[in-house]
Amino acid sequence: MKIDDRFFRLVRDFLLIYLPKNRCCSQNTVKAYRDTIHLLQVFMKEQKRVPFAKITFDRLNHALVSEFLDWLQTERKCRVSTRNHRLAALKSFFKYAAQEDASLMFAYVELGKVPVKRQPGRRVSYMSESGLAALLQEPDEGTKRGIRDRFFMIFLYDTGARIQEVLDLQLGDLHLKDSVPCVYLTGKRQKTRVVPLLNKTLQHLELYLQHFHPKEAYSSNNSLFYTVINGKTGKMSPDNVASFLKRYGASARLRCSEVPERVYPHLFRHTRAMHLYQSGMPLSYIKDFLGHASVNTTDIYASADVSMLKAALERTYVNGDIRPEIPVWEDNEELLLHLCGLQ
């Protein structure tokens, strides 16, 4: 009897050829798909006693995939959003498989029966200006590491960049001699956007470059942020960033209660977006600044700011009394007659 090897053969082609070469997906995107399929493999081995070589599309019906997603939430403690991301990754893979082998179209349709799990709306976490200021005061600028850590946080906030966008930056991405000094950020799906650098940011950048890139040209391919371990220079890792943010967050919270209990890279992005929105910047501009594909994604900031809602409500009161609503037809005889159908 011939072994059905289509699953692991298509997994290989999907991860090694289709995503990186045909779709030109980033390493992080490929990793996300790889992690999903790896978790499915772990589930099949541990829960179903099915080794990877014996996984077939026939086994992966909607009931089993639903069980896998439930396992992610109960055993792996994944959030609903993560569960939905895993399902989306599987659907993309099954769609690819059906395109490569028409006989697998049924498996793709079968997977479509698995619904996306609804999740309760959650508030966007962000820092107040006081909390942000307290956090930025924590690094010791009398040390080289303190200069680096403080500038890293300032750069995260001022550019509103994703953590990976910052870690991937090279000196050549800085365009400091342009009429408007800026940085080129490469985000999801390899889309590049230009973010202007403010004067205060440039001052901190100059201090950072003096200590960490004193002799290098801005056109070089060296990483803007790096670490030196055992004499070897390498790109700074997300774990390294998470470590010092956690440390500074804990110490800053002792001085300022407005510092959140958990300080993480994406918090700076949310904070920047909320501060821009509070200052009156239109959501369409914030969308472009953050590199969102749709303004629908940016809408979360419009629904998150209670202080702006409160201010709007207060504008309807005068000396504690509700401001009387002025009819649109007041002092307009012709409009009143028109509204009544008399003209």
C-alpha atoms as a PDB file:
ATOM      1  CA  MET A   1       0.000   0.000   0.000  1.00  0.00           C
ATOM      2  CA  LYS A   2       1.410   3.348  -1.018  1.00  0.00           C
ATOM      3  CA  ILE A   3       2.075   5.810   1.809  1.00  0.00           C
ATOM      4  CA  ASP A   4       0.257   9.139   1.498  1.00  0.00           C
ATOM      5  CA  ASP A   5       3.154  11.583   1.809  1.00  0.00           C
ATOM      6  CA  ARG A   6       1.350  14.642   0.516  1.00  0.00           C
ATOM      7  CA  PHE A   7       1.087  16.349   3.903  1.00  0.00           C
ATOM      8  CA  PHE A   8       4.751  16.501   4.864  1.00  0.00           C
ATOM      9  CA  ARG A   9       5.818  16.974   1.238  1.00  0.00           C
ATOM     10  CA  LEU A  10       3.569  20.012   0.870  1.00  0.00           C
ATOM     11  CA  VAL A  11       4.613  21.315   4.295  1.00  0.00           C
ATOM     12  CA  ARG A  12       8.225  21.270   3.108  1.00  0.00           C
ATOM     13  CA  ASP A  13       7.415  23.057  -0.157  1.00  0.00           C
ATOM     14  CA  PHE A  14       5.163  25.553   1.632  1.00  0.00           C
ATOM     15  CA  LEU A  15       7.797  26.568   4.209  1.00  0.00           C
ATOM     16  CA  LEU A  16      10.944  26.323   2.106  1.00  0.00           C
ATOM     17  CA  ILE A  17       9.797  27.427  -1.348  1.00  0.00           C
ATOM     18  CA  TYR A  18       6.342  28.989  -1.536  1.00  0.00           C
ATOM     19  CA  LEU A  19       6.483  31.415   1.406  1.00  0.00           C
ATOM     20  CA  PRO A  20      10.105  32.640   1.254  1.00  0.00           C
ATOM     21  CA  LYS A  21      10.712  32.482  -2.504  1.00  0.00           C
ATOM     22  CA  ASN A  22       7.363  32.763  -4.270  1.00  0.00           C
ATOM     23  CA  ARG A  23       5.619  35.062  -1.811  1.00  0.00           C
ATOM     24  CA  CYS A  24       8.828  36.746  -0.541  1.00  0.00           C
ATOM     25  CA  CYS A  25       7.584  36.547   3.039  1.00  0.00           C
ATOM     26  CA  SER A  26       9.820  37.747   5.843  1.00  0.00           C
ATOM     27  CA  GLN A  27      11.594  35.349   8.167  1.00  0.00           C
ATOM     28  CA  ASN A  28       9.171  36.254  10.942  1.00  0.00           C
ATOM     29  CA  THR A  29       6.168  35.421   8.767  1.00  0.00           C
ATOM     30  CA  VAL A  30       7.651  32.081   7.749  1.00  0.00           C
ATOM     31  CA  LYS A  31       8.445  31.383  11.401  1.00  0.00           C
ATOM     32  CA  ALA A  32       4.828  32.042  12.385  1.00  0.00           C
ATOM     33  CA  TYR A  33       3.602  29.443   9.869  1.00  0.00           C
ATOM     34  CA  ARG A  34       6.334  27.014  10.905  1.00  0.00           C
ATOM     35  CA  ASP A  35       5.410  27.363  14.569  1.00  0.00           C
ATOM     36  CA  THR A  36       1.755  26.635  13.801  1.00  0.00           C
ATOM     37  CA  ILE A  37       2.542  23.440  11.913  1.00  0.00           C
ATOM     38  CA  HIS A  38       5.060  22.447  14.583  1.00  0.00           C
ATOM     39  CA  LEU A  39       2.388  22.817  17.269  1.00  0.00           C
ATOM     40  CA  LEU A  40       0.008  20.724  15.173  1.00  0.00           C
ATOM     41  CA  GLN A  41       2.713  18.066  14.942  1.00  0.00           C
ATOM     42  CA  VAL A  42       3.187  18.135  18.740  1.00  0.00           C
ATOM     43  CA  PHE A  43      -0.561  17.836  19.268  1.00  0.00           C
ATOM     44  CA  MET A  44      -0.854  14.881  16.894  1.00  0.00           C
ATOM     45  CA  LYS A  45       2.073  13.101  18.551  1.00  0.00           C
ATOM     46  CA  GLU A  46       1.156  13.729  22.178  1.00  0.00           C
ATOM     47  CA  GLN A  47      -2.630  13.636  22.034  1.00  0.00           C
ATOM     48  CA  LYS A  48      -3.335  11.309  19.082  1.00  0.00           C
ATOM     49  CA  ARG A  49      -0.169   9.159  19.065  1.00  0.00           C
ATOM     50  CA  VAL A  50       0.253   9.916  15.370  1.00  0.00           C
ATOM     51  CA  PRO A  51       3.847  10.538  14.225  1.00  0.00           C
ATOM     52  CA  PHE A  52       4.540  13.286  11.715  1.00  0.00           C
ATOM     53  CA  ALA A  53       5.149  10.851   8.855  1.00  0.00           C
ATOM     54  CA  LYS A  54       1.628   9.447   9.263  1.00  0.00           C
ATOM     55  CA  ILE A  55      -0.268  12.728   9.360  1.00  0.00           C
ATOM     56  CA  THR A  56      -2.577  12.961   6.352  1.00  0.00           C
ATOM     57  CA  PHE A  57      -5.083  15.507   5.157  1.00  0.00           C
ATOM     58  CA  ASP A  58      -7.827  12.926   5.682  1.00  0.00           C
ATOM     59  CA  ARG A  59      -7.087  12.918   9.421  1.00  0.00           C
ATOM     60  CA  LEU A  60      -7.191  16.696   9.673  1.00  0.00           C
ATOM     61  CA  ASN A  61     -10.938  17.200   9.473  1.00  0.00           C
ATOM     62  CA  HIS A  62     -12.710  20.153  11.062  1.00  0.00           C
ATOM     63  CA  ALA A  63     -13.424  18.249  14.296  1.00  0.00           C
ATOM     64  CA  LEU A  64      -9.775  17.393  14.857  1.00  0.00           C
ATOM     65  CA  VAL A  65      -8.569  20.898  14.006  1.00  0.00           C
ATOM     66  CA  SER A  66     -11.137  22.330  16.430  1.00  0.00           C
ATOM     67  CA  GLU A  67      -9.788  19.975  19.095  1.00  0.00           C
ATOM     68  CA  PHE A  68      -6.256  21.161  18.301  1.00  0.00           C
ATOM     69  CA  LEU A  69      -7.291  24.793  18.733  1.00  0.00           C
ATOM     70  CA  ASP A  70      -8.997  24.003  22.049  1.00  0.00           C
ATOM     71  CA  TRP A  71      -5.787  22.267  23.155  1.00  0.00           C
ATOM     72  CA  LEU A  72      -3.827  25.408  22.369  1.00  0.00           C
ATOM     73  CA  GLN A  73      -6.058  27.399  24.698  1.00  0.00           C
ATOM     74  CA  THR A  74      -6.338  24.913  27.559  1.00  0.00           C
ATOM     75  CA  GLU A  75      -2.917  23.236  27.581  1.00  0.00           C
ATOM     76  CA  ARG A  76      -0.720  25.904  26.024  1.00  0.00           C
ATOM     77  CA  LYS A  77      -2.628  28.799  27.645  1.00  0.00           C
ATOM     78  CA  CYS A  78      -2.898  30.667  24.332  1.00  0.00           C
ATOM     79  CA  ARG A  79      -5.152  33.689  24.031  1.00  0.00           C
ATOM     80  CA  VAL A  80      -8.123  33.752  21.689  1.00  0.00           C
ATOM     81  CA  SER A  81      -6.227  36.026  19.308  1.00  0.00           C
ATOM     82  CA  THR A  82      -3.361  33.510  19.127  1.00  0.00           C
ATOM     83  CA  ARG A  83      -5.815  30.686  18.537  1.00  0.00           C
ATOM     84  CA  ASN A  84      -7.329  32.613  15.623  1.00  0.00           C
ATOM     85  CA  HIS A  85      -3.888  33.354  14.184  1.00  0.00           C
ATOM     86  CA  ARG A  86      -3.049  29.631  14.248  1.00  0.00           C
ATOM     87  CA  LEU A  87      -6.312  28.833  12.470  1.00  0.00           C
ATOM     88  CA  ALA A  88      -5.608  31.476   9.822  1.00  0.00           C
ATOM     89  CA  ALA A  89      -2.145  29.989   9.246  1.00  0.00           C
ATOM     90  CA  LEU A  90      -3.596  26.503   8.785  1.00  0.00           C
ATOM     91  CA  LYS A  91      -6.195  27.801   6.351  1.00  0.00           C
ATOM     92  CA  SER A  92      -3.462  29.471   4.298  1.00  0.00           C
ATOM     93  CA  PHE A  93      -1.512  26.224   4.167  1.00  0.00           C
ATOM     94  CA  PHE A  94      -4.577  24.173   3.200  1.00  0.00           C
ATOM     95  CA  LYS A  95      -5.411  26.695   0.488  1.00  0.00           C
ATOM     96  CA  TYR A  96      -1.894  26.325  -0.901  1.00  0.00           C
ATOM     97  CA  ALA A  97      -2.216  22.528  -0.742  1.00  0.00           C
ATOM     98  CA  ALA A  98      -5.509  22.629  -2.674  1.00  0.00           C
ATOM     99  CA  GLN A  99      -3.911  24.807  -5.345  1.00  0.00           C
ATOM    100  CA  GLU A 100      -1.075  22.314  -5.726  1.00  0.00           C
ATOM    101  CA  ASP A 101      -3.296  19.236  -5.645  1.00  0.00           C
ATOM    102  CA  ALA A 102      -6.930  19.640  -6.699  1.00  0.00           C
ATOM    103  CA  SER A 103      -7.896  16.444  -4.859  1.00  0.00           C
ATOM    104  CA  LEU A 104      -7.205  18.308  -1.585  1.00  0.00           C
ATOM    105  CA  MET A 105      -9.864  20.937  -2.241  1.00  0.00           C
ATOM    106  CA  PHE A 106     -12.249  18.949  -0.056  1.00  0.00           C
ATOM    107  CA  ALA A 107      -9.790  19.185   2.860  1.00  0.00           C
ATOM    108  CA  TYR A 108      -9.578  22.951   2.388  1.00  0.00           C
ATOM    109  CA  VAL A 109     -13.380  23.282   2.309  1.00  0.00           C
ATOM    110  CA  GLU A 110     -13.620  21.030   5.369  1.00  0.00           C
ATOM    111  CA  LEU A 111     -11.265  23.302   7.300  1.00  0.00           C
ATOM    112  CA  GLY A 112     -13.468  26.251   6.387  1.00  0.00           C
ATOM    113  CA  LYS A 113     -16.092  24.818   8.743  1.00  0.00           C
ATOM    114  CA  VAL A 114     -13.908  25.731  11.713  1.00  0.00           C
ATOM    115  CA  PRO A 115     -15.111  29.152  12.868  1.00  0.00           C
ATOM    116  CA  VAL A 116     -12.990  32.010  14.098  1.00  0.00           C
ATOM    117  CA  LYS A 117     -13.559  32.322  17.816  1.00  0.00           C
ATOM    118  CA  ARG A 118     -14.987  35.626  18.893  1.00  0.00           C
ATOM    119  CA  GLN A 119     -13.126  37.468  21.596  1.00  0.00           C
ATOM    120  CA  PRO A 120     -14.286  40.218  23.903  1.00  0.00           C
ATOM    121  CA  GLY A 121     -13.045  43.653  22.967  1.00  0.00           C
ATOM    122  CA  ARG A 122     -10.017  44.608  25.007  1.00  0.00           C
ATOM    123  CA  ARG A 123      -8.728  48.037  25.845  1.00  0.00           C
ATOM    124  CA  VAL A 124      -5.531  49.240  24.296  1.00  0.00           C
ATOM    125  CA  SER A 125      -2.769  49.492  26.890  1.00  0.00           C
ATOM    126  CA  TYR A 126      -0.704  52.645  26.778  1.00  0.00           C
ATOM    127  CA  MET A 127       1.321  54.885  29.090  1.00  0.00           C
ATOM    128  CA  SER A 128       0.425  58.329  30.294  1.00  0.00           C
ATOM    129  CA  GLU A 129       2.916  61.096  29.658  1.00  0.00           C
ATOM    130  CA  SER A 130       3.928  60.966  33.332  1.00  0.00           C
ATOM    131  CA  GLY A 131       4.435  57.209  33.196  1.00  0.00           C
ATOM    132  CA  LEU A 132       6.500  57.461  30.034  1.00  0.00           C
ATOM    133  CA  ALA A 133       8.655  60.245  31.492  1.00  0.00           C
ATOM    134  CA  ALA A 134       9.313  58.204  34.640  1.00  0.00           C
ATOM    135  CA  LEU A 135      10.357  55.206  32.572  1.00  0.00           C
ATOM    136  CA  LEU A 136      12.742  57.217  30.398  1.00  0.00           C
ATOM    137  CA  GLN A 137      14.479  58.560  33.493  1.00  0.00           C
ATOM    138  CA  GLU A 138      15.505  55.091  34.682  1.00  0.00           C
ATOM    139  CA  PRO A 139      18.582  54.361  32.486  1.00  0.00           C
ATOM    140  CA  ASP A 140      21.845  55.834  33.778  1.00  0.00           C
ATOM    141  CA  GLU A 141      23.140  58.083  30.987  1.00  0.00           C
ATOM    142  CA  GLY A 142      26.473  58.144  32.753  1.00  0.00           C
ATOM    143  CA  THR A 143      27.082  54.655  31.365  1.00  0.00           C
ATOM    144  CA  LYS A 144      27.313  53.430  27.790  1.00  0.00           C
ATOM    145  CA  ARG A 145      24.583  50.863  28.324  1.00  0.00           C
ATOM    146  CA  GLY A 146      22.306  53.477  29.879  1.00  0.00           C
ATOM    147  CA  ILE A 147      22.738  55.716  26.827  1.00  0.00           C
ATOM    148  CA  ARG A 148      21.822  52.805  24.577  1.00  0.00           C
ATOM    149  CA  ASP A 149      18.792  51.696  26.596  1.00  0.00           C
ATOM    150  CA  ARG A 150      17.348  55.189  26.959  1.00  0.00           C
ATOM    151  CA  PHE A 151      17.752  55.971  23.271  1.00  0.00           C
ATOM    152  CA  PHE A 152      16.216  52.611  22.343  1.00  0.00           C
ATOM    153  CA  MET A 153      13.074  53.465  24.317  1.00  0.00           C
ATOM    154  CA  ILE A 154      12.967  57.009  22.916  1.00  0.00           C
ATOM    155  CA  PHE A 155      13.346  55.639  19.384  1.00  0.00           C
ATOM    156  CA  LEU A 156      10.588  53.050  19.931  1.00  0.00           C
ATOM    157  CA  TYR A 157       8.220  55.774  21.098  1.00  0.00           C
ATOM    158  CA  ASP A 158       9.091  58.556  18.640  1.00  0.00           C
ATOM    159  CA  THR A 159       8.903  56.326  15.552  1.00  0.00           C
ATOM    160  CA  GLY A 160       5.991  54.147  16.715  1.00  0.00           C
ATOM    161  CA  ALA A 161       7.906  51.230  15.204  1.00  0.00           C
ATOM    162  CA  ARG A 162       7.371  47.544  15.823  1.00  0.00           C
ATOM    163  CA  ILE A 163      10.182  45.906  17.776  1.00  0.00           C
ATOM    164  CA  GLN A 164      11.377  43.836  14.823  1.00  0.00           C
ATOM    165  CA  GLU A 165      11.404  46.896  12.575  1.00  0.00           C
ATOM    166  CA  VAL A 166      13.822  48.554  15.011  1.00  0.00           C
ATOM    167  CA  LEU A 167      16.017  45.497  15.504  1.00  0.00           C
ATOM    168  CA  ASP A 168      16.330  45.053  11.730  1.00  0.00           C
ATOM    169  CA  LEU A 169      17.490  48.647  11.186  1.00  0.00           C
ATOM    170  CA  GLN A 170      20.857  49.252   9.601  1.00  0.00           C
ATOM    171  CA  LEU A 171      22.816  52.483   9.610  1.00  0.00           C
ATOM    172  CA  GLY A 172      21.986  52.902   5.925  1.00  0.00           C
ATOM    173  CA  ASP A 173      18.298  53.204   6.854  1.00  0.00           C
ATOM    174  CA  LEU A 174      19.026  56.536   8.544  1.00  0.00           C
ATOM    175  CA  HIS A 175      18.709  59.501   6.183  1.00  0.00           C
ATOM    176  CA  LEU A 176      19.960  62.312   8.371  1.00  0.00           C
ATOM    177  CA  LYS A 177      21.148  64.654   5.607  1.00  0.00           C
ATOM    178  CA  ASP A 178      17.797  64.831   3.812  1.00  0.00           C
ATOM    179  CA  SER A 179      15.870  68.103   3.976  1.00  0.00           C
ATOM    180  CA  VAL A 180      13.681  66.298   6.531  1.00  0.00           C
ATOM    181  CA  PRO A 181      15.826  63.824   8.519  1.00  0.00           C
ATOM    182  CA  CYS A 182      14.063  60.483   8.562  1.00  0.00           C
ATOM    183  CA  VAL A 183      14.374  56.732   8.966  1.00  0.00           C
ATOM    184  CA  TYR A 184      13.176  54.045   6.568  1.00  0.00           C
ATOM    185  CA  LEU A 185      11.315  51.276   8.400  1.00  0.00           C
ATOM    186  CA  THR A 186      10.565  47.932   6.761  1.00  0.00           C
ATOM    187  CA  GLY A 187       7.468  46.321   8.231  1.00  0.00           C
ATOM    188  CA  LYS A 188       5.096  43.489   7.511  1.00  0.00           C
ATOM    189  CA  ARG A 189       5.075  42.079   3.979  1.00  0.00           C
ATOM    190  CA  GLN A 190       8.347  43.951   3.396  1.00  0.00           C
ATOM    191  CA  LYS A 191       6.508  47.267   3.087  1.00  0.00           C
ATOM    192  CA  THR A 192       8.731  50.275   3.681  1.00  0.00           C
ATOM    193  CA  ARG A 193       7.554  53.536   5.192  1.00  0.00           C
ATOM    194  CA  VAL A 194       9.362  56.768   5.963  1.00  0.00           C
ATOM    195  CA  VAL A 195       9.156  58.251   9.452  1.00  0.00           C
ATOM    196  CA  PRO A 196      10.517  61.760  10.116  1.00  0.00           C
ATOM    197  CA  LEU A 197      12.837  62.197  13.089  1.00  0.00           C
ATOM    198  CA  LEU A 198      12.167  65.041  15.497  1.00  0.00           C
ATOM    199  CA  ASN A 199      14.934  67.379  16.655  1.00  0.00           C
ATOM    200  CA  LYS A 200      15.008  65.943  20.176  1.00  0.00           C
ATOM    201  CA  THR A 201      15.232  62.441  18.746  1.00  0.00           C
ATOM    202  CA  LEU A 202      18.140  63.523  16.568  1.00  0.00           C
ATOM    203  CA  GLN A 203      19.976  64.861  19.615  1.00  0.00           C
ATOM    204  CA  HIS A 204      19.673  61.526  21.399  1.00  0.00           C
ATOM    205  CA  LEU A 205      20.603  59.712  18.187  1.00  0.00           C
ATOM    206  CA  GLU A 206      23.783  61.777  17.825  1.00  0.00           C
ATOM    207  CA  LEU A 207      24.834  60.907  21.388  1.00  0.00           C
ATOM    208  CA  TYR A 208      24.111  57.222  20.739  1.00  0.00           C
ATOM    209  CA  LEU A 209      26.095  57.188  17.481  1.00  0.00           C
ATOM    210  CA  GLN A 210      29.087  58.817  19.172  1.00  0.00           C
ATOM    211  CA  HIS A 211      29.318  55.894  21.594  1.00  0.00           C
ATOM    212  CA  PHE A 212      28.230  52.960  19.447  1.00  0.00           C
ATOM    213  CA  HIS A 213      29.108  53.921  15.846  1.00  0.00           C
ATOM    214  CA  PRO A 214      31.884  56.504  16.134  1.00  0.00           C
ATOM    215  CA  LYS A 215      33.700  55.763  12.868  1.00  0.00           C
ATOM    216  CA  GLU A 216      31.096  54.216  10.598  1.00  0.00           C
ATOM    217  CA  ALA A 217      29.356  55.808   7.622  1.00  0.00           C
ATOM    218  CA  TYR A 218      25.570  55.958   7.610  1.00  0.00           C
ATOM    219  CA  SER A 219      25.529  53.946   4.385  1.00  0.00           C
ATOM    220  CA  SER A 220      26.985  50.857   6.036  1.00  0.00           C
ATOM    221  CA  ASN A 221      25.049  47.638   6.534  1.00  0.00           C
ATOM    222  CA  ASN A 222      25.870  47.382  10.229  1.00  0.00           C
ATOM    223  CA  SER A 223      22.958  47.046  12.649  1.00  0.00           C
ATOM    224  CA  LEU A 224      21.922  50.252  14.358  1.00  0.00           C
ATOM    225  CA  PHE A 225      21.385  48.368  17.635  1.00  0.00           C
ATOM    226  CA  TYR A 226      23.693  45.524  18.528  1.00  0.00           C
ATOM    227  CA  THR A 227      25.174  43.579  21.419  1.00  0.00           C
ATOM    228  CA  VAL A 228      28.666  42.229  22.003  1.00  0.00           C
ATOM    229  CA  ILE A 229      28.818  38.766  23.586  1.00  0.00           C
ATOM    230  CA  ASN A 230      32.160  37.066  24.162  1.00  0.00           C
ATOM    231  CA  GLY A 231      33.786  39.551  21.833  1.00  0.00           C
ATOM    232  CA  LYS A 232      31.335  38.838  19.006  1.00  0.00           C
ATOM    233  CA  THR A 233      29.043  41.563  17.698  1.00  0.00           C
ATOM    234  CA  GLY A 234      25.514  40.581  16.748  1.00  0.00           C
ATOM    235  CA  LYS A 235      22.085  42.086  16.202  1.00  0.00           C
ATOM    236  CA  MET A 236      20.250  42.819  19.429  1.00  0.00           C
ATOM    237  CA  SER A 237      17.610  40.206  20.249  1.00  0.00           C
ATOM    238  CA  PRO A 238      13.992  40.732  21.398  1.00  0.00           C
ATOM    239  CA  ASP A 239      14.849  38.879  24.625  1.00  0.00           C
ATOM    240  CA  ASN A 240      17.575  41.408  25.359  1.00  0.00           C
ATOM    241  CA  VAL A 241      15.114  44.276  24.921  1.00  0.00           C
ATOM    242  CA  ALA A 242      12.437  42.550  26.999  1.00  0.00           C
ATOM    243  CA  SER A 243      14.949  42.070  29.814  1.00  0.00           C
ATOM    244  CA  PHE A 244      15.924  45.703  30.265  1.00  0.00           C
ATOM    245  CA  LEU A 245      12.377  46.992  29.722  1.00  0.00           C
ATOM    246  CA  LYS A 246      11.152  44.713  32.494  1.00  0.00           C
ATOM    247  CA  ARG A 247      13.909  45.924  34.808  1.00  0.00           C
ATOM    248  CA  TYR A 248      13.325  49.619  34.134  1.00  0.00           C
ATOM    249  CA  GLY A 249       9.559  49.191  34.352  1.00  0.00           C
ATOM    250  CA  ALA A 250       9.760  47.629  37.811  1.00  0.00           C
ATOM    251  CA  SER A 251      12.008  50.376  39.184  1.00  0.00           C
ATOM    252  CA  ALA A 252      10.030  53.212  37.538  1.00  0.00           C
ATOM    253  CA  ARG A 253       6.761  51.914  38.992  1.00  0.00           C
ATOM    254  CA  LEU A 254       8.171  52.403  42.505  1.00  0.00           C
ATOM    255  CA  ARG A 255       8.356  56.149  41.779  1.00  0.00           C
ATOM    256  CA  CYS A 256       5.317  56.546  39.540  1.00  0.00           C
ATOM    257  CA  SER A 257       2.140  54.495  39.902  1.00  0.00           C
ATOM    258  CA  GLU A 258       1.150  55.348  36.307  1.00  0.00           C
ATOM    259  CA  VAL A 259       3.843  53.044  34.913  1.00  0.00           C
ATOM    260  CA  PRO A 260       2.057  49.816  33.848  1.00  0.00           C
ATOM    261  CA  GLU A 261       2.848  46.566  35.630  1.00  0.00           C
ATOM    262  CA  ARG A 262       4.106  45.111  32.368  1.00  0.00           C
ATOM    263  CA  VAL A 263       6.346  47.177  30.106  1.00  0.00           C
ATOM    264  CA  TYR A 264       6.976  45.623  26.687  1.00  0.00           C
ATOM    265  CA  PRO A 265       8.107  46.941  23.273  1.00  0.00           C
ATOM    266  CA  HIS A 266       4.683  47.189  21.630  1.00  0.00           C
ATOM    267  CA  LEU A 267       3.480  49.323  24.539  1.00  0.00           C
ATOM    268  CA  PHE A 268       5.573  52.211  23.174  1.00  0.00           C
ATOM    269  CA  ARG A 269       3.845  51.898  19.784  1.00  0.00           C
ATOM    270  CA  HIS A 270       0.393  52.002  21.391  1.00  0.00           C
ATOM    271  CA  THR A 271       1.459  54.911  23.579  1.00  0.00           C
ATOM    272  CA  ARG A 272       2.733  56.952  20.642  1.00  0.00           C
ATOM    273  CA  ALA A 273      -0.450  56.326  18.658  1.00  0.00           C
ATOM    274  CA  MET A 274      -2.674  57.326  21.588  1.00  0.00           C
ATOM    275  CA  HIS A 275      -0.685  60.488  22.276  1.00  0.00           C
ATOM    276  CA  LEU A 276      -0.922  61.469  18.603  1.00  0.00           C
ATOM    277  CA  TYR A 277      -4.662  60.850  18.603  1.00  0.00           C
ATOM    278  CA  GLN A 278      -5.112  62.841  21.822  1.00  0.00           C
ATOM    279  CA  SER A 279      -3.196  65.731  20.274  1.00  0.00           C
ATOM    280  CA  GLY A 280      -5.687  65.854  17.385  1.00  0.00           C
ATOM    281  CA  MET A 281      -3.927  63.952  14.603  1.00  0.00           C
ATOM    282  CA  PRO A 282      -6.478  62.332  12.219  1.00  0.00           C
ATOM    283  CA  LEU A 283      -6.667  58.547  12.266  1.00  0.00           C
ATOM    284  CA  SER A 284      -5.794  58.414   8.564  1.00  0.00           C
ATOM    285  CA  TYR A 285      -2.429  60.032   9.334  1.00  0.00           C
ATOM    286  CA  ILE A 286      -1.843  57.741  12.322  1.00  0.00           C
ATOM    287  CA  LYS A 287      -2.582  54.784  10.047  1.00  0.00           C
ATOM    288  CA  ASP A 288       0.206  55.791   7.676  1.00  0.00           C
ATOM    289  CA  PHE A 289       2.555  56.607  10.542  1.00  0.00           C
ATOM    290  CA  LEU A 290       2.108  53.133  12.056  1.00  0.00           C
ATOM    291  CA  GLY A 291       2.139  51.335   8.715  1.00  0.00           C
ATOM    292  CA  HIS A 292      -1.333  49.825   9.087  1.00  0.00           C
ATOM    293  CA  ALA A 293      -2.851  48.345   5.945  1.00  0.00           C
ATOM    294  CA  SER A 294      -6.330  49.583   6.856  1.00  0.00           C
ATOM    295  CA  VAL A 295      -7.685  52.412   8.973  1.00  0.00           C
ATOM    296  CA  ASN A 296      -9.950  49.801  10.591  1.00  0.00           C
ATOM    297  CA  THR A 297      -6.907  48.585  12.497  1.00  0.00           C
ATOM    298  CA  THR A 298      -6.202  52.123  13.693  1.00  0.00           C
ATOM    299  CA  ASP A 299      -9.787  52.587  14.915  1.00  0.00           C
ATOM    300  CA  ILE A 300      -8.882  50.887  18.213  1.00  0.00           C
ATOM    301  CA  TYR A 301      -7.252  54.128  19.344  1.00  0.00           C
ATOM    302  CA  ALA A 302     -10.394  56.133  18.658  1.00  0.00           C
ATOM    303  CA  SER A 303     -12.469  53.845  20.887  1.00  0.00           C
ATOM    304  CA  ALA A 304      -9.869  53.583  23.635  1.00  0.00           C
ATOM    305  CA  ASP A 305      -9.490  57.139  24.878  1.00  0.00           C
ATOM    306  CA  VAL A 306     -11.916  57.735  27.741  1.00  0.00           C
ATOM    307  CA  SER A 307     -10.424  61.152  28.541  1.00  0.00           C
ATOM    308  CA  MET A 308     -11.366  62.526  25.106  1.00  0.00           C
ATOM    309  CA  LEU A 309     -14.906  61.147  25.488  1.00  0.00           C
ATOM    310  CA  LYS A 310     -15.172  62.809  28.899  1.00  0.00           C
ATOM    311  CA  ALA A 311     -13.978  66.142  27.492  1.00  0.00           C
ATOM    312  CA  ALA A 312     -16.526  65.934  24.681  1.00  0.00           C
ATOM    313  CA  LEU A 313     -19.320  65.261  27.179  1.00  0.00           C
ATOM    314  CA  GLU A 314     -18.238  68.155  29.373  1.00  0.00           C
ATOM    315  CA  ARG A 315     -18.517  70.522  26.411  1.00  0.00           C
ATOM    316  CA  THR A 316     -22.287  69.895  26.448  1.00  0.00           C
ATOM    317  CA  TYR A 317     -22.576  71.486  29.917  1.00  0.00           C
ATOM    318  CA  VAL A 318     -22.550  75.157  30.892  1.00  0.00           C
ATOM    319  CA  ASN A 319     -22.021  75.956  34.592  1.00  0.00           C
ATOM    320  CA  GLY A 320     -23.239  72.502  35.556  1.00  0.00           C
ATOM    321  CA  ASP A 321     -26.370  72.651  33.405  1.00  0.00           C
ATOM    322  CA  ILE A 322     -26.957  70.911  30.123  1.00  0.00           C
ATOM    323  CA  ARG A 323     -26.198  73.240  27.230  1.00  0.00           C
ATOM    324  CA  PRO A 324     -29.500  73.955  25.455  1.00  0.00           C
ATOM    325  CA  GLU A 325     -29.578  72.642  21.938  1.00  0.00           C
ATOM    326  CA  ILE A 326     -30.175  75.443  19.444  1.00  0.00           C
ATOM    327  CA  PRO A 327     -32.629  74.466  16.687  1.00  0.00           C
ATOM    328  CA  VAL A 328     -31.212  74.717  13.200  1.00  0.00           C
ATOM    329  CA  TRP A 329     -34.210  76.769  12.069  1.00  0.00           C
ATOM    330  CA  GLU A 330     -33.910  79.482  14.727  1.00  0.00           C
ATOM    331  CA  ASP A 331     -33.908  82.932  13.154  1.00  0.00           C
ATOM    332  CA  ASN A 332     -34.425  81.311   9.743  1.00  0.00           C
ATOM    333  CA  GLU A 333     -38.027  81.772   8.684  1.00  0.00           C
ATOM    334  CA  GLU A 334     -37.520  80.393   5.185  1.00  0.00           C
ATOM    335  CA  LEU A 335     -35.918  77.175   6.425  1.00  0.00           C
ATOM    336  CA  LEU A 336     -38.729  76.634   8.930  1.00  0.00           C
ATOM    337  CA  LEU A 337     -41.366  77.052   6.200  1.00  0.00           C
ATOM    338  CA  HIS A 338     -39.423  74.651   3.957  1.00  0.00           C
ATOM    339  CA  LEU A 339     -39.175  72.000   6.681  1.00  0.00           C
ATOM    340  CA  CYS A 340     -42.904  72.237   7.242  1.00  0.00           C
ATOM    341  CA  GLY A 341     -43.611  71.825   3.528  1.00  0.00           C
ATOM    342  CA  LEU A 342     -45.076  75.313   3.217  1.00  0.00           C
ATOM    343  CA  GLN A 343     -42.529  76.547   0.704  1.00  0.00           C
END
